[in-house]
N, C-alpha and C. Protein backbone atom coordinates (compact mmCIF):
# COMPACT_ATOMS: atom_id res chain seq x y z
N MET A 1 -52.77 24.49 34.66
CA MET A 1 -52.03 23.27 34.97
C MET A 1 -51.35 22.76 33.70
N PHE A 2 -50.06 22.30 33.84
CA PHE A 2 -49.30 21.83 32.67
C PHE A 2 -49.87 20.52 32.17
N LYS A 3 -50.05 20.46 30.83
CA LYS A 3 -50.66 19.29 30.23
C LYS A 3 -49.66 18.56 29.34
N LEU A 4 -49.46 17.27 29.56
CA LEU A 4 -48.56 16.50 28.72
C LEU A 4 -49.16 16.29 27.35
N GLY A 5 -48.35 16.27 26.32
CA GLY A 5 -48.83 16.03 24.98
C GLY A 5 -49.18 14.57 24.79
N ASN A 6 -49.74 14.30 23.62
CA ASN A 6 -50.10 12.93 23.28
C ASN A 6 -48.83 12.07 23.22
N PRO A 7 -48.75 10.98 24.01
CA PRO A 7 -47.54 10.13 24.01
C PRO A 7 -47.17 9.63 22.63
N LYS A 8 -48.17 9.34 21.78
CA LYS A 8 -47.89 8.86 20.44
C LYS A 8 -47.19 9.93 19.61
N ASN A 9 -47.66 11.18 19.74
CA ASN A 9 -47.03 12.28 18.99
C ASN A 9 -45.59 12.49 19.44
N VAL A 10 -45.38 12.41 20.77
CA VAL A 10 -44.02 12.59 21.29
C VAL A 10 -43.09 11.51 20.74
N PHE A 11 -43.58 10.28 20.68
CA PHE A 11 -42.78 9.18 20.16
C PHE A 11 -42.39 9.42 18.71
N TRP A 12 -43.38 9.79 17.87
CA TRP A 12 -43.08 9.98 16.44
C TRP A 12 -42.20 11.20 16.20
N GLU A 13 -42.35 12.22 17.03
CA GLU A 13 -41.48 13.40 16.90
C GLU A 13 -40.03 13.03 17.22
N ALA A 14 -39.85 12.23 18.28
CA ALA A 14 -38.51 11.79 18.66
C ALA A 14 -37.91 10.88 17.59
N PHE A 15 -38.75 10.01 17.05
CA PHE A 15 -38.29 9.11 15.99
C PHE A 15 -37.86 9.88 14.75
N LEU A 16 -38.67 10.87 14.35
CA LEU A 16 -38.37 11.68 13.18
C LEU A 16 -37.07 12.48 13.38
N LEU A 17 -36.89 13.01 14.57
CA LEU A 17 -35.67 13.77 14.88
C LEU A 17 -34.44 12.85 14.81
N THR A 18 -34.59 11.63 15.31
CA THR A 18 -33.48 10.67 15.28
C THR A 18 -33.10 10.34 13.83
N VAL A 19 -34.12 10.12 12.98
CA VAL A 19 -33.86 9.81 11.57
C VAL A 19 -33.15 10.97 10.88
N ILE A 20 -33.59 12.18 11.16
CA ILE A 20 -32.98 13.36 10.53
C ILE A 20 -31.52 13.49 10.94
N VAL A 21 -31.24 13.31 12.24
CA VAL A 21 -29.86 13.40 12.73
C VAL A 21 -29.00 12.31 12.11
N PHE A 22 -29.56 11.09 12.01
CA PHE A 22 -28.81 9.97 11.43
C PHE A 22 -28.47 10.23 9.97
N VAL A 23 -29.47 10.64 9.20
CA VAL A 23 -29.25 10.90 7.76
C VAL A 23 -28.25 12.04 7.57
N PHE A 24 -28.40 13.08 8.37
CA PHE A 24 -27.49 14.23 8.28
C PHE A 24 -26.05 13.79 8.59
N GLY A 25 -25.90 12.97 9.65
CA GLY A 25 -24.57 12.46 10.00
C GLY A 25 -24.00 11.57 8.92
N LEU A 26 -24.86 10.75 8.28
CA LEU A 26 -24.42 9.86 7.21
C LEU A 26 -23.89 10.66 6.03
N PHE A 27 -24.60 11.73 5.66
CA PHE A 27 -24.16 12.58 4.54
C PHE A 27 -22.83 13.26 4.86
N ILE A 28 -22.68 13.72 6.08
CA ILE A 28 -21.41 14.35 6.48
C ILE A 28 -20.27 13.33 6.42
N GLY A 29 -20.53 12.11 6.92
CA GLY A 29 -19.51 11.06 6.90
C GLY A 29 -19.09 10.71 5.48
N LEU A 30 -20.07 10.59 4.58
CA LEU A 30 -19.76 10.27 3.18
C LEU A 30 -18.96 11.40 2.52
N ALA A 31 -19.32 12.64 2.87
CA ALA A 31 -18.60 13.79 2.30
C ALA A 31 -17.14 13.79 2.74
N VAL A 32 -16.91 13.48 4.02
CA VAL A 32 -15.53 13.43 4.54
C VAL A 32 -14.76 12.31 3.86
N GLU A 33 -15.38 11.14 3.73
CA GLU A 33 -14.70 10.01 3.11
C GLU A 33 -14.41 10.27 1.64
N ASN A 34 -15.36 10.90 0.93
CA ASN A 34 -15.12 11.24 -0.47
C ASN A 34 -13.97 12.22 -0.61
N SER A 35 -13.86 13.12 0.35
CA SER A 35 -12.75 14.07 0.35
C SER A 35 -11.42 13.33 0.52
N ARG A 36 -11.40 12.34 1.43
CA ARG A 36 -10.19 11.54 1.63
C ARG A 36 -9.82 10.79 0.36
N VAL A 37 -10.83 10.17 -0.26
CA VAL A 37 -10.58 9.40 -1.49
C VAL A 37 -10.03 10.32 -2.58
N GLN A 38 -10.58 11.52 -2.69
CA GLN A 38 -10.11 12.47 -3.70
C GLN A 38 -8.65 12.86 -3.44
N THR A 39 -8.32 13.06 -2.16
CA THR A 39 -6.94 13.41 -1.80
C THR A 39 -5.98 12.30 -2.21
N VAL A 40 -6.34 11.05 -1.89
CA VAL A 40 -5.48 9.92 -2.23
C VAL A 40 -5.42 9.72 -3.74
N SER A 41 -6.53 9.98 -4.44
CA SER A 41 -6.55 9.86 -5.90
C SER A 41 -5.60 10.87 -6.54
N ASP A 42 -5.51 12.05 -5.95
CA ASP A 42 -4.57 13.05 -6.44
C ASP A 42 -3.13 12.57 -6.25
N TYR A 43 -2.86 11.98 -5.09
CA TYR A 43 -1.53 11.39 -4.86
C TYR A 43 -1.24 10.33 -5.92
N TYR A 44 -2.25 9.49 -6.17
CA TYR A 44 -2.07 8.40 -7.13
C TYR A 44 -1.75 8.93 -8.53
N ALA A 45 -2.47 9.97 -8.94
CA ALA A 45 -2.24 10.53 -10.27
C ALA A 45 -0.80 11.00 -10.42
N ASN A 46 -0.28 11.66 -9.40
CA ASN A 46 1.12 12.12 -9.44
C ASN A 46 2.08 10.93 -9.44
N SER A 47 1.77 9.90 -8.66
CA SER A 47 2.64 8.72 -8.61
C SER A 47 2.62 7.97 -9.93
N GLU A 48 1.47 7.96 -10.58
CA GLU A 48 1.35 7.29 -11.87
C GLU A 48 2.27 7.96 -12.90
N ILE A 49 2.30 9.28 -12.88
CA ILE A 49 3.18 10.03 -13.78
C ILE A 49 4.65 9.71 -13.46
N SER A 50 4.97 9.67 -12.16
CA SER A 50 6.34 9.36 -11.74
C SER A 50 6.77 7.97 -12.21
N LEU A 51 5.84 7.00 -12.13
CA LEU A 51 6.17 5.65 -12.54
C LEU A 51 6.42 5.59 -14.05
N ILE A 52 5.57 6.24 -14.82
CA ILE A 52 5.77 6.26 -16.27
C ILE A 52 7.12 6.86 -16.62
N ASP A 53 7.51 7.90 -15.87
CA ASP A 53 8.82 8.52 -16.06
C ASP A 53 9.94 7.52 -15.76
N VAL A 54 9.79 6.75 -14.67
CA VAL A 54 10.80 5.75 -14.31
C VAL A 54 10.90 4.67 -15.40
N LEU A 55 9.75 4.20 -15.90
CA LEU A 55 9.75 3.18 -16.94
C LEU A 55 10.40 3.71 -18.22
N ALA A 56 10.13 4.96 -18.54
CA ALA A 56 10.76 5.57 -19.71
C ALA A 56 12.27 5.66 -19.52
N LEU A 57 12.69 6.02 -18.32
CA LEU A 57 14.11 6.13 -18.02
C LEU A 57 14.79 4.77 -18.12
N ASN A 58 14.08 3.72 -17.72
CA ASN A 58 14.59 2.36 -17.88
C ASN A 58 14.98 2.10 -19.33
N ASN A 59 14.07 2.47 -20.23
CA ASN A 59 14.30 2.23 -21.65
C ASN A 59 15.41 3.11 -22.20
N VAL A 60 15.47 4.36 -21.73
CA VAL A 60 16.51 5.27 -22.20
C VAL A 60 17.90 4.75 -21.83
N VAL A 61 18.04 4.32 -20.58
CA VAL A 61 19.33 3.78 -20.12
C VAL A 61 19.69 2.53 -20.90
N SER A 62 18.70 1.69 -21.18
CA SER A 62 18.93 0.45 -21.90
C SER A 62 19.36 0.72 -23.34
N LEU A 63 18.67 1.67 -23.99
CA LEU A 63 18.94 1.95 -25.39
C LEU A 63 20.23 2.74 -25.59
N ALA A 64 20.45 3.71 -24.71
CA ALA A 64 21.58 4.61 -24.89
C ALA A 64 22.84 4.14 -24.17
N ASN A 65 22.72 3.03 -23.40
CA ASN A 65 23.88 2.50 -22.67
C ASN A 65 24.50 3.57 -21.77
N GLN A 66 23.63 4.35 -21.11
CA GLN A 66 24.12 5.42 -20.26
C GLN A 66 24.34 4.93 -18.83
N SER A 67 24.81 5.84 -17.97
CA SER A 67 25.09 5.51 -16.58
C SER A 67 23.82 5.07 -15.86
N CYS A 68 24.00 4.15 -14.92
CA CYS A 68 22.87 3.64 -14.13
C CYS A 68 22.49 4.57 -12.99
N ALA A 69 23.29 5.56 -12.70
CA ALA A 69 23.07 6.39 -11.51
C ALA A 69 21.67 6.98 -11.48
N ASP A 70 21.25 7.60 -12.58
CA ASP A 70 19.93 8.23 -12.63
C ASP A 70 18.82 7.20 -12.49
N LEU A 71 19.01 6.04 -13.11
CA LEU A 71 17.99 4.99 -13.07
C LEU A 71 17.81 4.46 -11.65
N VAL A 72 18.91 4.22 -10.96
CA VAL A 72 18.85 3.73 -9.58
C VAL A 72 18.17 4.74 -8.68
N VAL A 73 18.57 6.01 -8.80
CA VAL A 73 17.98 7.07 -7.98
C VAL A 73 16.49 7.19 -8.25
N ALA A 74 16.08 7.12 -9.51
CA ALA A 74 14.66 7.25 -9.87
C ALA A 74 13.83 6.15 -9.25
N ASN A 75 14.32 4.91 -9.32
CA ASN A 75 13.59 3.78 -8.73
C ASN A 75 13.50 3.91 -7.21
N LEU A 76 14.59 4.33 -6.58
CA LEU A 76 14.60 4.49 -5.11
C LEU A 76 13.65 5.60 -4.68
N GLU A 77 13.71 6.72 -5.38
CA GLU A 77 12.85 7.86 -5.02
C GLU A 77 11.38 7.52 -5.21
N PHE A 78 11.06 6.81 -6.29
CA PHE A 78 9.67 6.45 -6.52
C PHE A 78 9.18 5.47 -5.47
N ALA A 79 10.03 4.50 -5.12
CA ALA A 79 9.66 3.53 -4.08
C ALA A 79 9.39 4.23 -2.76
N ASP A 80 10.24 5.19 -2.40
CA ASP A 80 10.05 5.93 -1.15
C ASP A 80 8.77 6.75 -1.21
N LYS A 81 8.48 7.30 -2.37
CA LYS A 81 7.29 8.15 -2.53
C LYS A 81 6.01 7.35 -2.28
N ILE A 82 5.87 6.21 -2.95
CA ILE A 82 4.62 5.47 -2.78
C ILE A 82 4.58 4.72 -1.44
N TYR A 83 5.76 4.50 -0.82
CA TYR A 83 5.75 3.90 0.51
C TYR A 83 5.16 4.89 1.52
N LEU A 84 5.56 6.14 1.43
CA LEU A 84 5.01 7.17 2.32
C LEU A 84 3.51 7.36 2.06
N GLU A 85 3.13 7.32 0.79
CA GLU A 85 1.71 7.47 0.46
C GLU A 85 0.89 6.29 0.97
N SER A 86 1.52 5.12 1.04
CA SER A 86 0.81 3.95 1.56
C SER A 86 0.46 4.12 3.04
N LYS A 87 1.32 4.85 3.77
CA LYS A 87 1.04 5.13 5.17
C LYS A 87 -0.20 6.02 5.31
N ILE A 88 -0.29 7.03 4.44
CA ILE A 88 -1.47 7.90 4.44
C ILE A 88 -2.71 7.10 4.08
N LEU A 89 -2.56 6.23 3.09
CA LEU A 89 -3.68 5.40 2.65
C LEU A 89 -4.15 4.46 3.76
N ASP A 90 -3.22 3.90 4.51
CA ASP A 90 -3.58 3.02 5.63
C ASP A 90 -4.35 3.77 6.71
N ASN A 91 -3.94 5.01 6.98
CA ASN A 91 -4.65 5.82 7.97
C ASN A 91 -6.08 6.12 7.51
N TYR A 92 -6.24 6.44 6.23
CA TYR A 92 -7.57 6.70 5.69
C TYR A 92 -8.41 5.42 5.69
N ASP A 93 -7.74 4.30 5.42
CA ASP A 93 -8.44 3.02 5.34
C ASP A 93 -9.06 2.65 6.68
N SER A 94 -8.33 2.90 7.77
CA SER A 94 -8.84 2.57 9.11
C SER A 94 -10.00 3.46 9.51
N ALA A 95 -10.07 4.66 8.92
CA ALA A 95 -11.14 5.60 9.26
C ALA A 95 -12.31 5.51 8.30
N ASN A 96 -12.11 4.85 7.17
CA ASN A 96 -13.13 4.79 6.13
C ASN A 96 -14.11 3.64 6.42
N LYS A 97 -15.33 3.96 6.80
CA LYS A 97 -16.28 2.93 7.24
C LYS A 97 -17.55 2.87 6.38
N LEU A 98 -17.80 3.89 5.57
CA LEU A 98 -19.11 3.98 4.93
C LEU A 98 -19.12 3.59 3.45
N SER A 99 -17.96 3.59 2.80
CA SER A 99 -17.92 3.28 1.37
C SER A 99 -16.73 2.40 1.06
N ASP A 100 -16.75 1.81 -0.15
CA ASP A 100 -15.67 0.92 -0.58
C ASP A 100 -14.72 1.60 -1.55
N SER A 101 -14.86 2.90 -1.73
CA SER A 101 -14.04 3.61 -2.71
C SER A 101 -12.56 3.49 -2.41
N ILE A 102 -12.21 3.47 -1.14
CA ILE A 102 -10.80 3.42 -0.76
C ILE A 102 -10.18 2.08 -1.16
N LYS A 103 -10.99 1.03 -1.25
CA LYS A 103 -10.47 -0.28 -1.66
C LYS A 103 -10.00 -0.25 -3.11
N LEU A 104 -10.71 0.49 -3.94
CA LEU A 104 -10.31 0.63 -5.34
C LEU A 104 -8.98 1.37 -5.44
N VAL A 105 -8.80 2.38 -4.59
CA VAL A 105 -7.54 3.13 -4.58
C VAL A 105 -6.40 2.20 -4.14
N HIS A 106 -6.67 1.35 -3.15
CA HIS A 106 -5.68 0.37 -2.70
C HIS A 106 -5.24 -0.51 -3.88
N LYS A 107 -6.21 -0.97 -4.65
CA LYS A 107 -5.91 -1.87 -5.77
C LYS A 107 -5.06 -1.16 -6.82
N ARG A 108 -5.36 0.10 -7.07
CA ARG A 108 -4.58 0.86 -8.05
C ARG A 108 -3.15 1.04 -7.56
N TYR A 109 -2.98 1.27 -6.27
CA TYR A 109 -1.64 1.41 -5.72
C TYR A 109 -0.88 0.08 -5.76
N ASP A 110 -1.58 -1.03 -5.54
CA ASP A 110 -0.93 -2.33 -5.62
C ASP A 110 -0.44 -2.59 -7.05
N LEU A 111 -1.18 -2.11 -8.03
CA LEU A 111 -0.74 -2.24 -9.42
C LEU A 111 0.52 -1.40 -9.65
N LEU A 112 0.54 -0.18 -9.11
CA LEU A 112 1.73 0.66 -9.23
C LEU A 112 2.95 -0.02 -8.61
N ARG A 113 2.74 -0.62 -7.43
CA ARG A 113 3.86 -1.27 -6.74
C ARG A 113 4.35 -2.50 -7.50
N THR A 114 3.40 -3.21 -8.14
CA THR A 114 3.80 -4.36 -8.96
C THR A 114 4.66 -3.91 -10.14
N LEU A 115 4.24 -2.83 -10.79
CA LEU A 115 5.02 -2.29 -11.90
C LEU A 115 6.39 -1.79 -11.41
N LEU A 116 6.42 -1.24 -10.20
CA LEU A 116 7.70 -0.81 -9.63
C LEU A 116 8.60 -2.03 -9.40
N TRP A 117 8.03 -3.12 -8.93
CA TRP A 117 8.79 -4.36 -8.73
C TRP A 117 9.44 -4.79 -10.04
N VAL A 118 8.66 -4.76 -11.12
CA VAL A 118 9.18 -5.13 -12.44
C VAL A 118 10.29 -4.18 -12.85
N SER A 119 10.02 -2.87 -12.69
CA SER A 119 10.99 -1.85 -13.08
C SER A 119 12.28 -1.96 -12.27
N ALA A 120 12.15 -2.14 -10.95
CA ALA A 120 13.32 -2.24 -10.09
C ALA A 120 14.14 -3.49 -10.41
N SER A 121 13.47 -4.59 -10.74
CA SER A 121 14.17 -5.83 -11.09
C SER A 121 14.98 -5.64 -12.36
N LYS A 122 14.38 -4.94 -13.32
CA LYS A 122 15.08 -4.67 -14.57
C LYS A 122 16.28 -3.75 -14.32
N ALA A 123 16.07 -2.73 -13.48
CA ALA A 123 17.16 -1.80 -13.18
C ALA A 123 18.28 -2.51 -12.43
N GLN A 124 17.92 -3.41 -11.52
CA GLN A 124 18.93 -4.15 -10.76
C GLN A 124 19.77 -5.03 -11.68
N GLU A 125 19.11 -5.63 -12.66
CA GLU A 125 19.83 -6.48 -13.62
C GLU A 125 20.76 -5.64 -14.50
N GLN A 126 20.25 -4.50 -14.96
CA GLN A 126 21.05 -3.63 -15.82
C GLN A 126 22.23 -3.02 -15.07
N CYS A 127 21.99 -2.70 -13.80
CA CYS A 127 23.00 -1.96 -13.03
C CYS A 127 23.81 -2.87 -12.11
N LYS A 128 23.75 -4.17 -12.37
CA LYS A 128 24.60 -5.14 -11.66
C LYS A 128 24.47 -5.07 -10.14
N GLY A 129 23.22 -5.08 -9.68
CA GLY A 129 22.97 -5.21 -8.24
C GLY A 129 23.46 -4.07 -7.39
N LYS A 130 23.27 -2.84 -7.84
CA LYS A 130 23.72 -1.69 -7.05
C LYS A 130 22.81 -1.41 -5.85
N PHE A 131 21.68 -2.09 -5.77
CA PHE A 131 20.75 -1.95 -4.64
C PHE A 131 20.01 -3.26 -4.45
N SER A 132 19.34 -3.41 -3.32
CA SER A 132 18.56 -4.61 -3.04
C SER A 132 17.06 -4.32 -3.15
N ILE A 133 16.31 -5.32 -3.54
CA ILE A 133 14.85 -5.20 -3.66
C ILE A 133 14.20 -6.04 -2.57
N VAL A 134 13.40 -5.38 -1.73
CA VAL A 134 12.69 -6.07 -0.65
C VAL A 134 11.19 -5.91 -0.90
N VAL A 135 10.52 -7.01 -1.24
CA VAL A 135 9.08 -6.99 -1.52
C VAL A 135 8.34 -7.67 -0.38
N TYR A 136 7.43 -6.92 0.23
CA TYR A 136 6.66 -7.44 1.36
C TYR A 136 5.26 -7.79 0.86
N LEU A 137 4.92 -9.08 0.90
CA LEU A 137 3.64 -9.58 0.41
C LEU A 137 2.74 -9.95 1.60
N TYR A 138 1.56 -9.37 1.62
CA TYR A 138 0.65 -9.61 2.74
C TYR A 138 -0.79 -9.64 2.25
N GLN A 139 -1.70 -10.04 3.14
CA GLN A 139 -3.13 -10.11 2.80
C GLN A 139 -3.90 -9.04 3.56
N ARG A 140 -4.36 -8.03 2.84
CA ARG A 140 -5.07 -6.94 3.49
C ARG A 140 -6.43 -7.38 4.03
N GLU A 141 -7.08 -8.30 3.34
CA GLU A 141 -8.45 -8.68 3.69
C GLU A 141 -8.53 -9.85 4.67
N THR A 142 -7.41 -10.28 5.21
CA THR A 142 -7.45 -11.43 6.11
C THR A 142 -8.25 -11.14 7.39
N ALA A 143 -8.96 -12.18 7.84
CA ALA A 143 -9.70 -12.07 9.10
C ALA A 143 -8.98 -12.80 10.23
N ASP A 144 -7.86 -13.44 9.91
CA ASP A 144 -7.08 -14.20 10.89
C ASP A 144 -6.33 -13.23 11.80
N LEU A 145 -6.66 -13.23 13.08
CA LEU A 145 -6.04 -12.29 14.03
C LEU A 145 -4.54 -12.54 14.19
N ALA A 146 -4.14 -13.82 14.16
CA ALA A 146 -2.72 -14.15 14.29
C ALA A 146 -1.94 -13.62 13.08
N GLU A 147 -2.55 -13.76 11.92
CA GLU A 147 -1.90 -13.26 10.70
C GLU A 147 -1.81 -11.73 10.72
N LYS A 148 -2.85 -11.08 11.19
CA LYS A 148 -2.82 -9.62 11.30
C LYS A 148 -1.73 -9.16 12.25
N ALA A 149 -1.60 -9.86 13.37
CA ALA A 149 -0.56 -9.52 14.34
C ALA A 149 0.83 -9.69 13.73
N SER A 150 1.01 -10.79 13.00
CA SER A 150 2.29 -11.06 12.33
C SER A 150 2.60 -9.98 11.31
N GLN A 151 1.57 -9.54 10.58
CA GLN A 151 1.77 -8.49 9.58
C GLN A 151 2.16 -7.16 10.22
N ASN A 152 1.58 -6.87 11.36
CA ASN A 152 1.94 -5.62 12.07
C ASN A 152 3.40 -5.64 12.49
N VAL A 153 3.85 -6.79 12.99
CA VAL A 153 5.25 -6.89 13.42
C VAL A 153 6.18 -6.81 12.22
N TRP A 154 5.82 -7.52 11.13
CA TRP A 154 6.63 -7.48 9.92
C TRP A 154 6.76 -6.05 9.39
N SER A 155 5.67 -5.32 9.41
CA SER A 155 5.68 -3.94 8.91
C SER A 155 6.67 -3.08 9.68
N LYS A 156 6.69 -3.25 11.00
CA LYS A 156 7.60 -2.47 11.84
C LYS A 156 9.06 -2.86 11.61
N VAL A 157 9.31 -4.17 11.47
CA VAL A 157 10.67 -4.65 11.23
C VAL A 157 11.19 -4.11 9.89
N LEU A 158 10.36 -4.18 8.86
CA LEU A 158 10.78 -3.74 7.54
C LEU A 158 10.95 -2.22 7.50
N GLN A 159 10.13 -1.51 8.24
CA GLN A 159 10.30 -0.06 8.34
C GLN A 159 11.65 0.27 8.99
N ASP A 160 12.01 -0.47 10.03
CA ASP A 160 13.31 -0.28 10.68
C ASP A 160 14.45 -0.63 9.73
N LEU A 161 14.25 -1.69 8.95
CA LEU A 161 15.26 -2.09 7.97
C LEU A 161 15.48 -0.99 6.94
N LYS A 162 14.40 -0.40 6.47
CA LYS A 162 14.49 0.68 5.48
C LYS A 162 15.19 1.90 6.08
N GLN A 163 14.85 2.23 7.30
CA GLN A 163 15.49 3.38 7.96
C GLN A 163 16.99 3.15 8.13
N GLN A 164 17.35 1.91 8.40
CA GLN A 164 18.76 1.60 8.62
C GLN A 164 19.55 1.54 7.31
N GLU A 165 18.94 0.97 6.27
CA GLU A 165 19.64 0.78 5.00
C GLU A 165 19.48 1.95 4.03
N GLY A 166 18.41 2.72 4.21
CA GLY A 166 18.20 3.89 3.37
C GLY A 166 18.17 3.59 1.89
N ALA A 167 19.05 4.26 1.12
CA ALA A 167 19.07 4.14 -0.34
C ALA A 167 19.64 2.81 -0.82
N ASN A 168 20.03 1.94 0.08
CA ASN A 168 20.57 0.64 -0.33
C ASN A 168 19.47 -0.34 -0.72
N ILE A 169 18.21 -0.05 -0.32
CA ILE A 169 17.12 -0.98 -0.65
C ILE A 169 15.91 -0.24 -1.21
N VAL A 170 15.19 -0.98 -2.05
CA VAL A 170 13.86 -0.55 -2.51
C VAL A 170 12.85 -1.41 -1.76
N LEU A 171 12.04 -0.79 -0.91
CA LEU A 171 11.04 -1.52 -0.12
C LEU A 171 9.67 -1.35 -0.78
N ILE A 172 9.06 -2.50 -1.14
CA ILE A 172 7.78 -2.47 -1.86
C ILE A 172 6.75 -3.35 -1.16
N PRO A 173 5.82 -2.78 -0.38
CA PRO A 173 4.75 -3.58 0.22
C PRO A 173 3.59 -3.74 -0.77
N ILE A 174 3.12 -4.97 -0.97
CA ILE A 174 2.03 -5.23 -1.92
C ILE A 174 1.03 -6.20 -1.30
N SER A 175 -0.25 -5.88 -1.41
CA SER A 175 -1.30 -6.78 -0.96
C SER A 175 -1.55 -7.82 -2.05
N ILE A 176 -1.45 -9.11 -1.70
CA ILE A 176 -1.59 -10.15 -2.72
C ILE A 176 -3.05 -10.52 -2.99
N ASP A 177 -3.99 -9.94 -2.22
CA ASP A 177 -5.40 -10.24 -2.46
C ASP A 177 -6.08 -9.20 -3.35
N SER A 178 -5.28 -8.49 -4.16
CA SER A 178 -5.84 -7.49 -5.07
C SER A 178 -6.33 -8.10 -6.38
N ASN A 179 -6.04 -9.39 -6.58
CA ASN A 179 -6.49 -10.12 -7.78
C ASN A 179 -5.97 -9.45 -9.06
N LEU A 180 -4.67 -9.18 -9.09
CA LEU A 180 -4.03 -8.58 -10.26
C LEU A 180 -3.25 -9.67 -11.01
N GLY A 181 -3.52 -9.81 -12.31
CA GLY A 181 -2.85 -10.83 -13.09
C GLY A 181 -1.34 -10.68 -13.11
N SER A 182 -0.87 -9.45 -13.24
CA SER A 182 0.57 -9.20 -13.29
C SER A 182 1.24 -9.58 -11.97
N LEU A 183 0.59 -9.25 -10.86
CA LEU A 183 1.13 -9.58 -9.55
C LEU A 183 1.14 -11.09 -9.33
N ASN A 184 0.03 -11.75 -9.70
CA ASN A 184 -0.05 -13.20 -9.54
C ASN A 184 1.06 -13.90 -10.32
N THR A 185 1.37 -13.38 -11.50
CA THR A 185 2.44 -13.96 -12.32
C THR A 185 3.80 -13.77 -11.67
N MET A 186 4.03 -12.57 -11.10
CA MET A 186 5.30 -12.29 -10.43
C MET A 186 5.50 -13.19 -9.22
N VAL A 187 4.42 -13.42 -8.47
CA VAL A 187 4.50 -14.19 -7.23
C VAL A 187 4.58 -15.69 -7.50
N ALA A 188 3.96 -16.14 -8.60
CA ALA A 188 3.84 -17.58 -8.87
C ALA A 188 5.19 -18.30 -8.90
N LYS A 189 6.21 -17.64 -9.40
CA LYS A 189 7.51 -18.32 -9.55
C LYS A 189 8.19 -18.61 -8.21
N TYR A 190 7.71 -17.98 -7.13
CA TYR A 190 8.32 -18.20 -5.82
C TYR A 190 7.64 -19.31 -5.02
N ASN A 191 6.49 -19.79 -5.52
CA ASN A 191 5.78 -20.91 -4.88
C ASN A 191 5.53 -20.64 -3.39
N ILE A 192 5.04 -19.44 -3.09
CA ILE A 192 4.76 -19.06 -1.69
C ILE A 192 3.39 -19.59 -1.28
N ARG A 193 3.35 -20.27 -0.15
CA ARG A 193 2.08 -20.85 0.32
C ARG A 193 1.53 -20.16 1.56
N ASN A 194 2.38 -19.45 2.29
CA ASN A 194 1.94 -18.79 3.52
C ASN A 194 2.31 -17.31 3.49
N TYR A 195 1.43 -16.50 4.06
CA TYR A 195 1.65 -15.05 4.13
C TYR A 195 1.49 -14.59 5.58
N PRO A 196 2.17 -13.51 5.95
CA PRO A 196 3.00 -12.65 5.11
C PRO A 196 4.32 -13.31 4.72
N ALA A 197 4.89 -12.82 3.60
CA ALA A 197 6.17 -13.31 3.12
C ALA A 197 6.97 -12.13 2.58
N VAL A 198 8.28 -12.26 2.62
CA VAL A 198 9.17 -11.21 2.13
C VAL A 198 10.10 -11.81 1.08
N VAL A 199 10.19 -11.15 -0.06
CA VAL A 199 11.11 -11.58 -1.12
C VAL A 199 12.26 -10.58 -1.16
N ILE A 200 13.45 -11.05 -0.81
CA ILE A 200 14.64 -10.20 -0.79
C ILE A 200 15.60 -10.69 -1.87
N ASN A 201 15.73 -9.88 -2.93
CA ASN A 201 16.61 -10.27 -4.04
C ASN A 201 16.35 -11.71 -4.49
N ASP A 202 15.07 -12.04 -4.69
CA ASP A 202 14.61 -13.34 -5.17
C ASP A 202 14.72 -14.46 -4.13
N GLN A 203 15.05 -14.13 -2.90
CA GLN A 203 15.06 -15.11 -1.81
C GLN A 203 13.81 -14.91 -0.95
N VAL A 204 13.09 -15.98 -0.67
CA VAL A 204 11.82 -15.89 0.06
C VAL A 204 12.04 -16.12 1.55
N VAL A 205 11.48 -15.23 2.35
CA VAL A 205 11.53 -15.35 3.82
C VAL A 205 10.09 -15.35 4.34
N THR A 206 9.71 -16.40 5.05
CA THR A 206 8.36 -16.47 5.62
C THR A 206 8.38 -16.52 7.14
N THR A 207 9.56 -16.72 7.72
CA THR A 207 9.70 -16.74 9.18
C THR A 207 10.11 -15.35 9.66
N LEU A 208 9.41 -14.86 10.66
CA LEU A 208 9.70 -13.52 11.18
C LEU A 208 11.14 -13.43 11.66
N MET A 209 11.83 -12.39 11.22
CA MET A 209 13.24 -12.20 11.57
C MET A 209 13.48 -10.78 12.05
N SER A 210 14.64 -10.61 12.68
CA SER A 210 15.06 -9.28 13.13
C SER A 210 15.73 -8.54 11.98
N VAL A 211 15.99 -7.27 12.17
CA VAL A 211 16.65 -6.47 11.15
C VAL A 211 18.03 -7.04 10.84
N SER A 212 18.78 -7.38 11.85
CA SER A 212 20.14 -7.90 11.65
C SER A 212 20.11 -9.23 10.88
N GLU A 213 19.09 -10.05 11.11
CA GLU A 213 18.98 -11.32 10.39
C GLU A 213 18.64 -11.09 8.92
N LEU A 214 17.79 -10.10 8.67
CA LEU A 214 17.40 -9.80 7.28
C LEU A 214 18.56 -9.19 6.50
N GLU A 215 19.43 -8.50 7.19
CA GLU A 215 20.58 -7.86 6.52
C GLU A 215 21.47 -8.91 5.84
N LYS A 216 21.49 -10.13 6.35
CA LYS A 216 22.31 -11.17 5.76
C LYS A 216 21.84 -11.48 4.33
N TYR A 217 20.52 -11.36 4.11
CA TYR A 217 19.99 -11.61 2.77
C TYR A 217 20.35 -10.48 1.81
N LEU A 218 20.55 -9.30 2.34
CA LEU A 218 20.94 -8.17 1.48
C LEU A 218 22.34 -8.35 0.93
N LYS A 219 23.18 -9.06 1.69
CA LYS A 219 24.57 -9.26 1.25
C LYS A 219 24.70 -10.45 0.31
């Protein structure tokens, strides 16, 4: 006749199996997330080199009084590069649940974008406004659902604006909750009290607008 085992033993065996599966799954999850962070860190390293090259080119054009064409193209290409990488980073961010490593990568990218803002502003001044600068300021860590919804809509509108204007604008999205001194200094002069906000050629827009309405600020 079939005999059931000790109920206590069955319970502890099931508990032990559950713990083993949980720990194993946790290690696999951390390994996948670390792989994502490493991938984004590699992107960042390449972008960092590109930015240093752009900053150096800024100085070369300034010192040698050469054509602005290369400088404008360099700033536009770098802006497009880190904008595309930000999309990858956002996808990883939504999937990253076990560690905070991706937040550090976000902060490093926000620093790159701030430096790009400075570089693009200098290039725009040197090259007499051959392109427009559109800086999108938002709060990544906000818990306000209405603000999150507004940010999602703004992101789509600005993406459409970039697709329509192409090389005519430098689009720079930056999270203002990164606690960066350089970014805080750049933003302070605009006296912005509500986010999200968009700075277009030093003009501040806080009310959601359509692409056609934003184009007026480009002119």
